[in-house]
Structure formats: C-alpha cells, structure tokens
Amino acid sequence: MHPQIRHARFNLIVCSATIVLTSAAYLLMLRFLDPQRARAAFGFFGLLGLLGLGPTFYHIKPSEARVILDERDKQIGDRSQVVAWRIVWLYWSLACLGPWA
C-alpha cells in the first residue's frame, strides 16, 4: 500500500474516533451532569495529538530507493485542492449570505 494512503487512513481513523468519543462523552455527561462539568468531555480532543505520528508512514530503508510522490500525484493533489477550496467557499458563502439575503 502506498505510504500516502496509509497516512490518509490513519488520519481518518484518528479524526473520526476523536469526534465519536468526544460527542458520545459530552452527551453522556450532559445527561447525568450539569453543562459546566460536561465540558470535560472535550479533553478527548487531545487524541488529535496522535496525528503527529503520521510521518512514521514515510520511513523507508536507506537501501530501498523508491519514489513517494511523482508528477501525476502532484497534479491530482492540485486539482483536489482547487475543488476543496471551491466547496469551502461555496459553503461559507451560502452559510453567511443565505440568512442575510
């Protein structure tokens, strides 16, 4: 498996697990405790620190020479970034200008 795919899967697993654990803990604590004490559930966001382990997926042995990123990967990344920025701007325009209009 390509190192970037492993890195992306790891990031997806860490982020989704953090969101699920945080929201579940907050809802449980909100049900049984007051809202002030339920904020302690946001401590689960500390699990996002595991994202710092991502560079370990790019470790290659000195005897093993291989390409991690080529021109085609760069073009795909550039195109996906353009699409992502368009979606972000469309979302924020609708979210901010929609209620105003």
PDB file of N, CA and C in Angstrom:
ATOM      1  N   MET A   1       0.841  -1.171   0.000  1.00  0.00           N
ATOM      2  CA  MET A   1       0.000   0.000   0.000  1.00  0.00           C
ATOM      3  C   MET A   1       0.894   1.246   0.000  1.00  0.00           C
ATOM      4  N   HIS A   2       0.481   2.245  -0.730  1.00  0.00           N
ATOM      5  CA  HIS A   2       1.256   3.478  -0.841  1.00  0.00           C
ATOM      6  C   HIS A   2       1.292   4.197   0.512  1.00  0.00           C
ATOM      7  N   PRO A   3       2.411   4.798   0.853  1.00  0.00           N
ATOM      8  CA  PRO A   3       2.527   5.454   2.158  1.00  0.00           C
ATOM      9  C   PRO A   3       1.497   6.574   2.366  1.00  0.00           C
ATOM     10  N   GLN A   4       1.145   7.292   1.313  1.00  0.00           N
ATOM     11  CA  GLN A   4       0.163   8.362   1.467  1.00  0.00           C
ATOM     12  C   GLN A   4      -1.219   7.813   1.779  1.00  0.00           C
ATOM     13  N   ILE A   5      -1.545   6.653   1.232  1.00  0.00           N
ATOM     14  CA  ILE A   5      -2.836   6.031   1.536  1.00  0.00           C
ATOM     15  C   ILE A   5      -2.863   5.592   2.994  1.00  0.00           C
ATOM     16  N   ARG A   6      -1.767   5.008   3.470  1.00  0.00           N
ATOM     17  CA  ARG A   6      -1.702   4.623   4.881  1.00  0.00           C
ATOM     18  C   ARG A   6      -1.823   5.835   5.792  1.00  0.00           C
ATOM     19  N   HIS A   7      -1.167   6.916   5.416  1.00  0.00           N
ATOM     20  CA  HIS A   7      -1.217   8.138   6.206  1.00  0.00           C
ATOM     21  C   HIS A   7      -2.634   8.711   6.213  1.00  0.00           C
ATOM     22  N   ALA A   8      -3.289   8.734   5.062  1.00  0.00           N
ATOM     23  CA  ALA A   8      -4.653   9.265   4.988  1.00  0.00           C
ATOM     24  C   ALA A   8      -5.626   8.409   5.798  1.00  0.00           C
ATOM     25  N   ARG A   9      -5.476   7.101   5.725  1.00  0.00           N
ATOM     26  CA  ARG A   9      -6.353   6.219   6.506  1.00  0.00           C
ATOM     27  C   ARG A   9      -6.133   6.409   8.003  1.00  0.00           C
ATOM     28  N   PHE A  10      -4.892   6.532   8.393  1.00  0.00           N
ATOM     29  CA  PHE A  10      -4.583   6.761   9.804  1.00  0.00           C
ATOM     30  C   PHE A  10      -5.210   8.072  10.281  1.00  0.00           C
ATOM     31  N   ASN A  11      -5.064   9.145   9.490  1.00  0.00           N
ATOM     32  CA  ASN A  11      -5.660  10.431   9.859  1.00  0.00           C
ATOM     33  C   ASN A  11      -7.172  10.336   9.948  1.00  0.00           C
ATOM     34  N   LEU A  12      -7.785   9.627   9.022  1.00  0.00           N
ATOM     35  CA  LEU A  12      -9.242   9.465   9.030  1.00  0.00           C
ATOM     36  C   LEU A  12      -9.700   8.697  10.270  1.00  0.00           C
ATOM     37  N   ILE A  13      -8.986   7.648  10.610  1.00  0.00           N
ATOM     38  CA  ILE A  13      -9.348   6.855  11.791  1.00  0.00           C
ATOM     39  C   ILE A  13      -9.192   7.679  13.063  1.00  0.00           C
ATOM     40  N   VAL A  14      -8.088   8.408  13.183  1.00  0.00           N
ATOM     41  CA  VAL A  14      -7.859   9.212  14.389  1.00  0.00           C
ATOM     42  C   VAL A  14      -8.918  10.302  14.520  1.00  0.00           C
ATOM     43  N   CYS A  15      -9.205  11.017  13.430  1.00  0.00           N
ATOM     44  CA  CYS A  15     -10.178  12.115  13.487  1.00  0.00           C
ATOM     45  C   CYS A  15     -11.585  11.605  13.776  1.00  0.00           C
ATOM     46  N   SER A  16     -11.985  10.539  13.108  1.00  0.00           N
ATOM     47  CA  SER A  16     -13.340  10.032  13.336  1.00  0.00           C
ATOM     48  C   SER A  16     -13.484   9.448  14.737  1.00  0.00           C
ATOM     49  N   ALA A  17     -12.471   8.748  15.229  1.00  0.00           N
ATOM     50  CA  ALA A  17     -12.540   8.209  16.588  1.00  0.00           C
ATOM     51  C   ALA A  17     -12.608   9.334  17.615  1.00  0.00           C
ATOM     52  N   THR A  18     -11.861  10.402  17.380  1.00  0.00           N
ATOM     53  CA  THR A  18     -11.882  11.539  18.297  1.00  0.00           C
ATOM     54  C   THR A  18     -13.255  12.197  18.321  1.00  0.00           C
ATOM     55  N   ILE A  19     -13.835  12.390  17.159  1.00  0.00           N
ATOM     56  CA  ILE A  19     -15.156  13.031  17.090  1.00  0.00           C
ATOM     57  C   ILE A  19     -16.222  12.164  17.747  1.00  0.00           C
ATOM     58  N   VAL A  20     -16.181  10.868  17.484  1.00  0.00           N
ATOM     59  CA  VAL A  20     -17.176   9.963  18.062  1.00  0.00           C
ATOM     60  C   VAL A  20     -17.035   9.907  19.583  1.00  0.00           C
ATOM     61  N   LEU A  21     -15.808   9.743  20.074  1.00  0.00           N
ATOM     62  CA  LEU A  21     -15.601   9.667  21.524  1.00  0.00           C
ATOM     63  C   LEU A  21     -15.973  10.972  22.224  1.00  0.00           C
ATOM     64  N   THR A  22     -15.608  12.096  21.634  1.00  0.00           N
ATOM     65  CA  THR A  22     -15.905  13.389  22.244  1.00  0.00           C
ATOM     66  C   THR A  22     -17.398  13.637  22.306  1.00  0.00           C
ATOM     67  N   SER A  23     -18.085  13.406  21.200  1.00  0.00           N
ATOM     68  CA  SER A  23     -19.529  13.669  21.190  1.00  0.00           C
ATOM     69  C   SER A  23     -20.281  12.701  22.104  1.00  0.00           C
ATOM     70  N   ALA A  24     -19.875  11.434  22.126  1.00  0.00           N
ATOM     71  CA  ALA A  24     -20.549  10.468  22.998  1.00  0.00           C
ATOM     72  C   ALA A  24     -20.316  10.812  24.477  1.00  0.00           C
ATOM     73  N   ALA A  25     -19.093  11.157  24.808  1.00  0.00           N
ATOM     74  CA  ALA A  25     -18.802  11.515  26.200  1.00  0.00           C
ATOM     75  C   ALA A  25     -19.534  12.785  26.606  1.00  0.00           C
ATOM     76  N   TYR A  26     -19.594  13.765  25.705  1.00  0.00           N
ATOM     77  CA  TYR A  26     -20.284  15.011  26.032  1.00  0.00           C
ATOM     78  C   TYR A  26     -21.777  14.771  26.243  1.00  0.00           C
ATOM     79  N   LEU A  27     -22.381  13.984  25.368  1.00  0.00           N
ATOM     80  CA  LEU A  27     -23.818  13.720  25.517  1.00  0.00           C
ATOM     81  C   LEU A  27     -24.113  12.931  26.787  1.00  0.00           C
ATOM     82  N   LEU A  28     -23.271  11.961  27.106  1.00  0.00           N
ATOM     83  CA  LEU A  28     -23.470  11.194  28.342  1.00  0.00           C
ATOM     84  C   LEU A  28     -23.289  12.069  29.578  1.00  0.00           C
ATOM     85  N   MET A  29     -22.253  12.883  29.570  1.00  0.00           N
ATOM     86  CA  MET A  29     -22.006  13.734  30.724  1.00  0.00           C
ATOM     87  C   MET A  29     -23.062  14.830  30.835  1.00  0.00           C
ATOM     88  N   LEU A  30     -23.560  15.289  29.715  1.00  0.00           N
ATOM     89  CA  LEU A  30     -24.605  16.307  29.736  1.00  0.00           C
ATOM     90  C   LEU A  30     -25.893  15.745  30.314  1.00  0.00           C
ATOM     91  N   ARG A  31     -26.123  14.460  30.050  1.00  0.00           N
ATOM     92  CA  ARG A  31     -27.344  13.819  30.564  1.00  0.00           C
ATOM     93  C   ARG A  31     -27.294  13.643  32.080  1.00  0.00           C
ATOM     94  N   PHE A  32     -26.115  13.284  32.602  1.00  0.00           N
ATOM     95  CA  PHE A  32     -26.008  12.969  34.024  1.00  0.00           C
ATOM     96  C   PHE A  32     -25.418  14.106  34.876  1.00  0.00           C
ATOM     97  N   LEU A  33     -24.751  15.058  34.240  1.00  0.00           N
ATOM     98  CA  LEU A  33     -24.129  16.155  34.969  1.00  0.00           C
ATOM     99  C   LEU A  33     -24.639  17.484  34.425  1.00  0.00           C
ATOM    100  N   ASP A  34     -24.175  18.560  35.012  1.00  0.00           N
ATOM    101  CA  ASP A  34     -24.567  19.881  34.511  1.00  0.00           C
ATOM    102  C   ASP A  34     -23.674  20.259  33.314  1.00  0.00           C
ATOM    103  N   PRO A  35     -24.087  21.246  32.518  1.00  0.00           N
ATOM    104  CA  PRO A  35     -23.318  21.621  31.318  1.00  0.00           C
ATOM    105  C   PRO A  35     -21.895  22.091  31.611  1.00  0.00           C
ATOM    106  N   GLN A  36     -21.672  22.706  32.765  1.00  0.00           N
ATOM    107  CA  GLN A  36     -20.322  23.160  33.105  1.00  0.00           C
ATOM    108  C   GLN A  36     -19.367  21.979  33.245  1.00  0.00           C
ATOM    109  N   ARG A  37     -19.796  20.943  33.911  1.00  0.00           N
ATOM    110  CA  ARG A  37     -18.927  19.781  34.132  1.00  0.00           C
ATOM    111  C   ARG A  37     -18.866  18.880  32.912  1.00  0.00           C
ATOM    112  N   ALA A  38     -19.844  18.992  32.023  1.00  0.00           N
ATOM    113  CA  ALA A  38     -19.834  18.165  30.814  1.00  0.00           C
ATOM    114  C   ALA A  38     -18.763  18.624  29.831  1.00  0.00           C
ATOM    115  N   ARG A  39     -18.286  19.841  30.002  1.00  0.00           N
ATOM    116  CA  ARG A  39     -17.237  20.337  29.102  1.00  0.00           C
ATOM    117  C   ARG A  39     -15.945  19.563  29.254  1.00  0.00           C
ATOM    118  N   ALA A  40     -15.802  18.803  30.295  1.00  0.00           N
ATOM    119  CA  ALA A  40     -14.591  17.991  30.481  1.00  0.00           C
ATOM    120  C   ALA A  40     -14.459  16.942  29.384  1.00  0.00           C
ATOM    121  N   ALA A  41     -15.562  16.633  28.715  1.00  0.00           N
ATOM    122  CA  ALA A  41     -15.515  15.646  27.631  1.00  0.00           C
ATOM    123  C   ALA A  41     -14.663  16.127  26.466  1.00  0.00           C
ATOM    124  N   PHE A  42     -14.466  17.435  26.370  1.00  0.00           N
ATOM    125  CA  PHE A  42     -13.654  17.957  25.274  1.00  0.00           C
ATOM    126  C   PHE A  42     -12.178  17.622  25.448  1.00  0.00           C
ATOM    127  N   GLY A  43     -11.831  17.017  26.543  1.00  0.00           N
ATOM    128  CA  GLY A  43     -10.465  16.539  26.743  1.00  0.00           C
ATOM    129  C   GLY A  43     -10.092  15.442  25.764  1.00  0.00           C
ATOM    130  N   PHE A  44     -11.097  14.779  25.194  1.00  0.00           N
ATOM    131  CA  PHE A  44     -10.824  13.742  24.198  1.00  0.00           C
ATOM    132  C   PHE A  44     -10.194  14.329  22.933  1.00  0.00           C
ATOM    133  N   PHE A  45     -10.297  15.640  22.738  1.00  0.00           N
ATOM    134  CA  PHE A  45      -9.645  16.249  21.582  1.00  0.00           C
ATOM    135  C   PHE A  45      -8.126  16.116  21.671  1.00  0.00           C
ATOM    136  N   GLY A  46      -7.624  15.762  22.828  1.00  0.00           N
ATOM    137  CA  GLY A  46      -6.195  15.511  22.978  1.00  0.00           C
ATOM    138  C   GLY A  46      -5.717  14.333  22.155  1.00  0.00           C
ATOM    139  N   LEU A  47      -6.649  13.464  21.780  1.00  0.00           N
ATOM    140  CA  LEU A  47      -6.286  12.327  20.925  1.00  0.00           C
ATOM    141  C   LEU A  47      -5.827  12.779  19.543  1.00  0.00           C
ATOM    142  N   LEU A  48      -6.152  14.004  19.163  1.00  0.00           N
ATOM    143  CA  LEU A  48      -5.701  14.506  17.870  1.00  0.00           C
ATOM    144  C   LEU A  48      -4.181  14.659  17.846  1.00  0.00           C
ATOM    145  N   GLY A  49      -3.563  14.606  18.997  1.00  0.00           N
ATOM    146  CA  GLY A  49      -2.103  14.628  19.054  1.00  0.00           C
ATOM    147  C   GLY A  49      -1.480  13.418  18.376  1.00  0.00           C
ATOM    148  N   LEU A  50      -2.261  12.355  18.213  1.00  0.00           N
ATOM    149  CA  LEU A  50      -1.757  11.174  17.511  1.00  0.00           C
ATOM    150  C   LEU A  50      -1.489  11.449  16.038  1.00  0.00           C
ATOM    151  N   LEU A  51      -2.038  12.548  15.515  1.00  0.00           N
ATOM    152  CA  LEU A  51      -1.780  12.890  14.119  1.00  0.00           C
ATOM    153  C   LEU A  51      -0.296  13.184  13.888  1.00  0.00           C
ATOM    154  N   GLY A  52       0.408  13.494  14.934  1.00  0.00           N
ATOM    155  CA  GLY A  52       1.851  13.735  14.816  1.00  0.00           C
ATOM    156  C   GLY A  52       2.646  12.485  14.480  1.00  0.00           C
ATOM    157  N   LEU A  53       2.018  11.336  14.604  1.00  0.00           N
ATOM    158  CA  LEU A  53       2.702  10.087  14.254  1.00  0.00           C
ATOM    159  C   LEU A  53       2.665   9.808  12.759  1.00  0.00           C
ATOM    160  N   GLY A  54       2.013  10.658  11.992  1.00  0.00           N
ATOM    161  CA  GLY A  54       1.871  10.448  10.550  1.00  0.00           C
ATOM    162  C   GLY A  54       3.171  10.276   9.783  1.00  0.00           C
ATOM    163  N   PRO A  55       4.225  11.040  10.075  1.00  0.00           N
ATOM    164  CA  PRO A  55       5.471  10.874   9.315  1.00  0.00           C
ATOM    165  C   PRO A  55       6.113   9.493   9.443  1.00  0.00           C
ATOM    166  N   THR A  56       5.705   8.701  10.409  1.00  0.00           N
ATOM    167  CA  THR A  56       6.280   7.360  10.516  1.00  0.00           C
ATOM    168  C   THR A  56       5.897   6.483   9.333  1.00  0.00           C
ATOM    169  N   PHE A  57       4.851   6.854   8.608  1.00  0.00           N
ATOM    170  CA  PHE A  57       4.449   6.062   7.445  1.00  0.00           C
ATOM    171  C   PHE A  57       5.381   6.283   6.263  1.00  0.00           C
ATOM    172  N   TYR A  58       6.200   7.328   6.302  1.00  0.00           N
ATOM    173  CA  TYR A  58       7.093   7.627   5.191  1.00  0.00           C
ATOM    174  C   TYR A  58       8.508   7.130   5.431  1.00  0.00           C
ATOM    175  N   HIS A  59       8.694   6.368   6.476  1.00  0.00           N
ATOM    176  CA  HIS A  59      10.024   5.847   6.775  1.00  0.00           C
ATOM    177  C   HIS A  59      10.384   4.774   5.753  1.00  0.00           C
ATOM    178  N   ILE A  60      11.479   5.001   5.042  1.00  0.00           N
ATOM    179  CA  ILE A  60      11.964   3.998   4.092  1.00  0.00           C
ATOM    180  C   ILE A  60      13.404   3.647   4.460  1.00  0.00           C
ATOM    181  N   LYS A  61      13.777   2.452   4.179  1.00  0.00           N
ATOM    182  CA  LYS A  61      15.124   1.996   4.494  1.00  0.00           C
ATOM    183  C   LYS A  61      16.116   2.650   3.530  1.00  0.00           C
ATOM    184  N   PRO A  62      17.312   2.912   3.995  1.00  0.00           N
ATOM    185  CA  PRO A  62      18.308   3.537   3.110  1.00  0.00           C
ATOM    186  C   PRO A  62      18.627   2.685   1.885  1.00  0.00           C
ATOM    187  N   SER A  63      18.532   1.380   2.004  1.00  0.00           N
ATOM    188  CA  SER A  63      18.835   0.517   0.862  1.00  0.00           C
ATOM    189  C   SER A  63      17.684   0.475  -0.145  1.00  0.00           C
ATOM    190  N   GLU A  64      16.524   0.924   0.269  1.00  0.00           N
ATOM    191  CA  GLU A  64      15.345   0.861  -0.588  1.00  0.00           C
ATOM    192  C   GLU A  64      15.095   2.243  -1.206  1.00  0.00           C
ATOM    193  N   ALA A  65      15.263   2.340  -2.490  1.00  0.00           N
ATOM    194  CA  ALA A  65      15.054   3.621  -3.181  1.00  0.00           C
ATOM    195  C   ALA A  65      13.724   3.552  -3.937  1.00  0.00           C
ATOM    196  N   ARG A  66      12.799   4.419  -3.561  1.00  0.00           N
ATOM    197  CA  ARG A  66      11.527   4.458  -4.260  1.00  0.00           C
ATOM    198  C   ARG A  66      10.972   5.874  -4.231  1.00  0.00           C
ATOM    199  N   VAL A  67      10.101   6.119  -5.150  1.00  0.00           N
ATOM    200  CA  VAL A  67       9.518   7.447  -5.280  1.00  0.00           C
ATOM    201  C   VAL A  67       8.243   7.500  -4.448  1.00  0.00           C
ATOM    202  N   ILE A  68       8.123   8.533  -3.623  1.00  0.00           N
ATOM    203  CA  ILE A  68       6.920   8.689  -2.808  1.00  0.00           C
ATOM    204  C   ILE A  68       5.887   9.532  -3.544  1.00  0.00           C
ATOM    205  N   LEU A  69       6.351  10.524  -4.300  1.00  0.00           N
ATOM    206  CA  LEU A  69       5.448  11.450  -4.966  1.00  0.00           C
ATOM    207  C   LEU A  69       5.985  11.722  -6.368  1.00  0.00           C
ATOM    208  N   ASP A  70       5.134  11.567  -7.387  1.00  0.00           N
ATOM    209  CA  ASP A  70       5.561  11.883  -8.739  1.00  0.00           C
ATOM    210  C   ASP A  70       4.677  13.001  -9.310  1.00  0.00           C
ATOM    211  N   GLU A  71       4.858  13.327 -10.585  1.00  0.00           N
ATOM    212  CA  GLU A  71       4.140  14.445 -11.194  1.00  0.00           C
ATOM    213  C   GLU A  71       2.637  14.212 -11.225  1.00  0.00           C
ATOM    214  N   ARG A  72       2.251  12.991 -11.499  1.00  0.00           N
ATOM    215  CA  ARG A  72       0.819  12.684 -11.567  1.00  0.00           C
ATOM    216  C   ARG A  72       0.151  12.882 -10.201  1.00  0.00           C
ATOM    217  N   ASP A  73       0.812  12.446  -9.154  1.00  0.00           N
ATOM    218  CA  ASP A  73       0.288  12.646  -7.801  1.00  0.00           C
ATOM    219  C   ASP A  73       0.166  14.128  -7.473  1.00  0.00           C
ATOM    220  N   LYS A  74       1.137  14.905  -7.919  1.00  0.00           N
ATOM    221  CA  LYS A  74       1.092  16.354  -7.674  1.00  0.00           C
ATOM    222  C   LYS A  74      -0.092  16.986  -8.407  1.00  0.00           C
ATOM    223  N   GLN A  75      -0.337  16.581  -9.648  1.00  0.00           N
ATOM    224  CA  GLN A  75      -1.470  17.123 -10.400  1.00  0.00           C
ATOM    225  C   GLN A  75      -2.799  16.748  -9.746  1.00  0.00           C
ATOM    226  N   ILE A  76      -2.907  15.516  -9.319  1.00  0.00           N
ATOM    227  CA  ILE A  76      -4.134  15.081  -8.649  1.00  0.00           C
ATOM    228  C   ILE A  76      -4.345  15.874  -7.371  1.00  0.00           C
ATOM    229  N   GLY A  77      -3.277  16.070  -6.600  1.00  0.00           N
ATOM    230  CA  GLY A  77      -3.373  16.851  -5.371  1.00  0.00           C
ATOM    231  C   GLY A  77      -3.775  18.295  -5.629  1.00  0.00           C
ATOM    232  N   ASP A  78      -3.207  18.899  -6.682  1.00  0.00           N
ATOM    233  CA  ASP A  78      -3.553  20.284  -7.021  1.00  0.00           C
ATOM    234  C   ASP A  78      -5.016  20.408  -7.420  1.00  0.00           C
ATOM    235  N   ARG A  79      -5.481  19.477  -8.243  1.00  0.00           N
ATOM    236  CA  ARG A  79      -6.887  19.522  -8.672  1.00  0.00           C
ATOM    237  C   ARG A  79      -7.835  19.324  -7.499  1.00  0.00           C
ATOM    238  N   SER A  80      -7.506  18.391  -6.621  1.00  0.00           N
ATOM    239  CA  SER A  80      -8.381  18.146  -5.477  1.00  0.00           C
ATOM    240  C   SER A  80      -8.381  19.338  -4.525  1.00  0.00           C
ATOM    241  N   GLN A  81      -7.258  20.021  -4.430  1.00  0.00           N
ATOM    242  CA  GLN A  81      -7.203  21.205  -3.570  1.00  0.00           C
ATOM    243  C   GLN A  81      -8.046  22.340  -4.154  1.00  0.00           C
ATOM    244  N   VAL A  82      -8.044  22.496  -5.462  1.00  0.00           N
ATOM    245  CA  VAL A  82      -8.884  23.514  -6.100  1.00  0.00           C
ATOM    246  C   VAL A  82     -10.356  23.208  -5.861  1.00  0.00           C
ATOM    247  N   VAL A  83     -10.739  21.953  -6.028  1.00  0.00           N
ATOM    248  CA  VAL A  83     -12.132  21.570  -5.793  1.00  0.00           C
ATOM    249  C   VAL A  83     -12.511  21.778  -4.330  1.00  0.00           C
ATOM    250  N   ALA A  84     -11.614  21.422  -3.421  1.00  0.00           N
ATOM    251  CA  ALA A  84     -11.899  21.587  -1.997  1.00  0.00           C
ATOM    252  C   ALA A  84     -12.081  23.055  -1.645  1.00  0.00           C
ATOM    253  N   TRP A  85     -11.235  23.930  -2.174  1.00  0.00           N
ATOM    254  CA  TRP A  85     -11.382  25.357  -1.889  1.00  0.00           C
ATOM    255  C   TRP A  85     -12.681  25.907  -2.460  1.00  0.00           C
ATOM    256  N   ARG A  86     -13.085  25.433  -3.633  1.00  0.00           N
ATOM    257  CA  ARG A  86     -14.359  25.870  -4.208  1.00  0.00           C
ATOM    258  C   ARG A  86     -15.518  25.459  -3.311  1.00  0.00           C
ATOM    259  N   ILE A  87     -15.476  24.249  -2.807  1.00  0.00           N
ATOM    260  CA  ILE A  87     -16.550  23.765  -1.937  1.00  0.00           C
ATOM    261  C   ILE A  87     -16.576  24.552  -0.629  1.00  0.00           C
ATOM    262  N   VAL A  88     -15.407  24.823  -0.059  1.00  0.00           N
ATOM    263  CA  VAL A  88     -15.351  25.597   1.182  1.00  0.00           C
ATOM    264  C   VAL A  88     -15.922  26.991   0.974  1.00  0.00           C
ATOM    265  N   TRP A  89     -15.529  27.650  -0.094  1.00  0.00           N
ATOM    266  CA  TRP A  89     -16.053  28.998  -0.344  1.00  0.00           C
ATOM    267  C   TRP A  89     -17.542  28.982  -0.647  1.00  0.00           C
ATOM    268  N   LEU A  90     -18.004  27.975  -1.361  1.00  0.00           N
ATOM    269  CA  LEU A  90     -19.439  27.867  -1.633  1.00  0.00           C
ATOM    270  C   LEU A  90     -20.211  27.654  -0.332  1.00  0.00           C
ATOM    271  N   TYR A  91     -19.706  26.789   0.520  1.00  0.00           N
ATOM    272  CA  TYR A  91     -20.372  26.535   1.801  1.00  0.00           C
ATOM    273  C   TYR A  91     -20.447  27.809   2.632  1.00  0.00           C
ATOM    274  N   TRP A  92     -19.311  28.494   2.807  1.00  0.00           N
ATOM    275  CA  TRP A  92     -19.296  29.694   3.638  1.00  0.00           C
ATOM    276  C   TRP A  92     -20.115  30.817   3.025  1.00  0.00           C
ATOM    277  N   SER A  93     -20.133  30.912   1.688  1.00  0.00           N
ATOM    278  CA  SER A  93     -20.967  31.941   1.058  1.00  0.00           C
ATOM    279  C   SER A  93     -22.441  31.675   1.331  1.00  0.00           C
ATOM    280  N   LEU A  94     -22.852  30.425   1.209  1.00  0.00           N
ATOM    281  CA  LEU A  94     -24.241  30.086   1.469  1.00  0.00           C
ATOM    282  C   LEU A  94     -24.583  30.216   2.952  1.00  0.00           C
ATOM    283  N   ALA A  95     -23.658  29.825   3.804  1.00  0.00           N
ATOM    284  CA  ALA A  95     -23.915  29.898   5.247  1.00  0.00           C
ATOM    285  C   ALA A  95     -23.973  31.329   5.748  1.00  0.00           C
ATOM    286  N   CYS A  96     -23.155  32.199   5.169  1.00  0.00           N
ATOM    287  CA  CYS A  96     -23.129  33.588   5.646  1.00  0.00           C
ATOM    288  C   CYS A  96     -24.087  34.496   4.888  1.00  0.00           C
ATOM    289  N   LEU A  97     -24.169  34.320   3.596  1.00  0.00           N
ATOM    290  CA  LEU A  97     -25.012  35.208   2.798  1.00  0.00           C
ATOM    291  C   LEU A  97     -26.457  34.714   2.715  1.00  0.00           C
ATOM    292  N   GLY A  98     -26.659  33.425   2.918  1.00  0.00           N
ATOM    293  CA  GLY A  98     -28.021  32.880   2.861  1.00  0.00           C
ATOM    294  C   GLY A  98     -28.963  33.514   3.863  1.00  0.00           C
ATOM    295  N   PRO A  99     -28.626  33.529   5.147  1.00  0.00           N
ATOM    296  CA  PRO A  99     -29.511  34.162   6.125  1.00  0.00           C
ATOM    297  C   PRO A  99     -29.625  35.671   5.920  1.00  0.00           C
ATOM    298  N   TRP A 100     -28.559  36.290   5.420  1.00  0.00           N
ATOM    299  CA  TRP A 100     -28.580  37.728   5.211  1.00  0.00           C
ATOM    300  C   TRP A 100     -29.543  38.105   4.078  1.00  0.00           C
ATOM    301  N   ALA A 101     -29.573  37.263   3.048  1.00  0.00           N
ATOM    302  CA  ALA A 101     -30.454  37.549   1.896  1.00  0.00           C
ATOM    303  C   ALA A 101     -31.878  37.235   2.306  1.00  0.00           C
TER     304      ALA A 101
END
